[in-house]
C-alpha cells in the first residue's frame, strides 16, 4: 500500500521523521540512568531479602521452641490426666467391692462364652481348660489378675473332651498350669478316651471329687490302679462299651477305696461282685448296658442298696430284661426313678411296675419319675400317676427311632393333666403335687392346649403351695418338624414374667445320643436340696 504523503496542503498520518542515529543517541544517554536505578533496586531487594531471612529464621526458631513446649505440656497433661483417672477410678463403687464379692462375680463368668462366637478358633475343651472368660478378666488390672490366678476353685474343672485331647506339648502345658493353679482344691475331672491325660490325672486322684471317665480304646488298667487313692470322690461316672469293659471284680477294691462315694453311674458288666456294707453309702445309682445276662447281678446288688434314693436303669434288651428286672426289685427308700429302654418297641411292663410300686411304697415316697424313651400308653401313664400322689417331677417323651414314630405327648394327654377346677385346691387330677414337667417331644400337640395346661397348673400350684414356681420344659427331638407359634411364645413369656413359671425350650437331640447322655438328662441328684 503506498505511503500517504503531504499533498494539497493535507498533513501526513505518520509521526515526524526522526533519524535512527538520533534515537540511538538518546538511548545511550538514558542507559546510565536506567542502570543506576536498577542497581539501587537490586540493592534494596537484597537488603530486604536478608532482613526477611533473619525474620523467618527467628520465627522458625520460636515456632520450634513453642512446639517443643506444646509437646511437653501435652505429655504432662496426659500424664496428669492418667493420674487423675486412676485416682477417680479408686473411688468407683466396683473398687470398693471386697475381693470375695469380686471372686463370686468372676465365678459366674467362667462358662459365659460356651455358646458364643469363637473367633479364636479354640475348641470348647480348650476354652474350658484355660478359662477363657477369666483370662480376659485378668487383663483388666493387676488386682483382678491376682484374684483370678490366686483363686484355686476357678481351675478345678478339668474337661478333657469337647474337642480337646492332650497330644501336643502346648496342651500338656495348659493342663499342667490348670492343675498347679488349682493347688489342693478338689477336682471335677472329665476324660474322654485320652490315655495320656488319664495317666497324668491319676497322679492327682487324691483330689478327685467328681470323675467322669469314658473308656474307648484306651487301657483301663491305669484307671483301676486307683484302689487306695480316692478319699474325696463323691460322684463317679464310668462309661464304656461292653466289649471294652474289664471284669466286674476289677472294680471291687476301686469302689471300696472311695469312702465318700454317693453317686455312681456304671455299666452293668462292671458292677461289683461282692456284697459289702460299703455299698450302702450310695444314695444314687445308674446302671447302663443292662443286658439279660446281668439281671441277676443287678437284683443282688440292689438288694444291698435299700437306702438308695435315686435309681436309673438303662436297658439294652428288647423285652425280657425290662420285665425280669422290674418284677424282681424292691426299693423301699426310693424317691427318684429313671427307666429307659434303648429299643423303641419295648412295651411298658404295666402290671409289674404297679407291683413294684406297691412293694416299695411309692405311694408315699416317690417324688420324681423319668419315663422318656419308654413305650407307655396314655391310659397306662395316667394310671401310674394315679398311684403316685406324691409325685413332683415327671419326664416323658415321644420316640422317633422305631419303624413308626411313637407319640406319648398329645393333646389328649395334656388335657388329662390339666386341672379342670382351678379354683378348688382339692380338685382331683393326676399328680396333684406336680412341680416340674419336661417334655421330649416330636410336637404332636396343639400350642393352645399346652398353654391351657400351663395356666391350670400354675394356678393350682399357687393354691396348694403359694410362692412355688411351676417348672416346665420342652425339648424338641431331632425329627420334630415344628416350633412353638409366635403367639404361644408371647403367652409363655407373659406367664414367665409373672414370676410363677420357669420355662426352658431346647433344640432337638437324637434319641440315641440322649440315651448315653446320663449327666445332663437325668434328674439333678441335689434337686431335693434346692
Foldseek 3Di string as FASTA:
>chain_A
DDADPCPPNDHGPDPDDDDPVVVVVVVVVCVVVVVVVVVVVVVVVVVVVVVVVVVVVVVVVVVVVVVVVVVVVVVVVVVVVVVVVVVVVCVDPVVVDDLVVVLVVVLVCQCVCLPPDDPVPDFSLVCNLQSVSLVVQLPPDVVSVCSSQQALVSLQERACDRPHAPDDPVSVVSNVSSVVSNPQAAHAEEHAQHQVVLLVCLVVQLRHAHYAYEHEPDDCVSVLVCLQRHARHAEYHYHYDPVPDDALCSCPSVLVNHQNHAEYEEELRNHHDDQDLSLCNYQEYEYAADEPVRLVVVLVRVVSHLQHAYYAYEYEDQEDSQLSNLQRDARQNYAEYHYAYPDQPYADPLVSNVVNCVRNVLQPHHAYYEDAHHQYALVSVQVVLVSRQNYAYYEYEWADPDPHTGFRDELVNLVQQAQDPLVDLPGDGRNSNYQEYEYAYLPRYDLVSNLNRVVSNLSSCCVVPNPRAREYEYEYAPNRPDDDDPVSVVSVVVVVVVVRYHYYYHYHDHPNVVSPVPPPPDDDPCPVVD
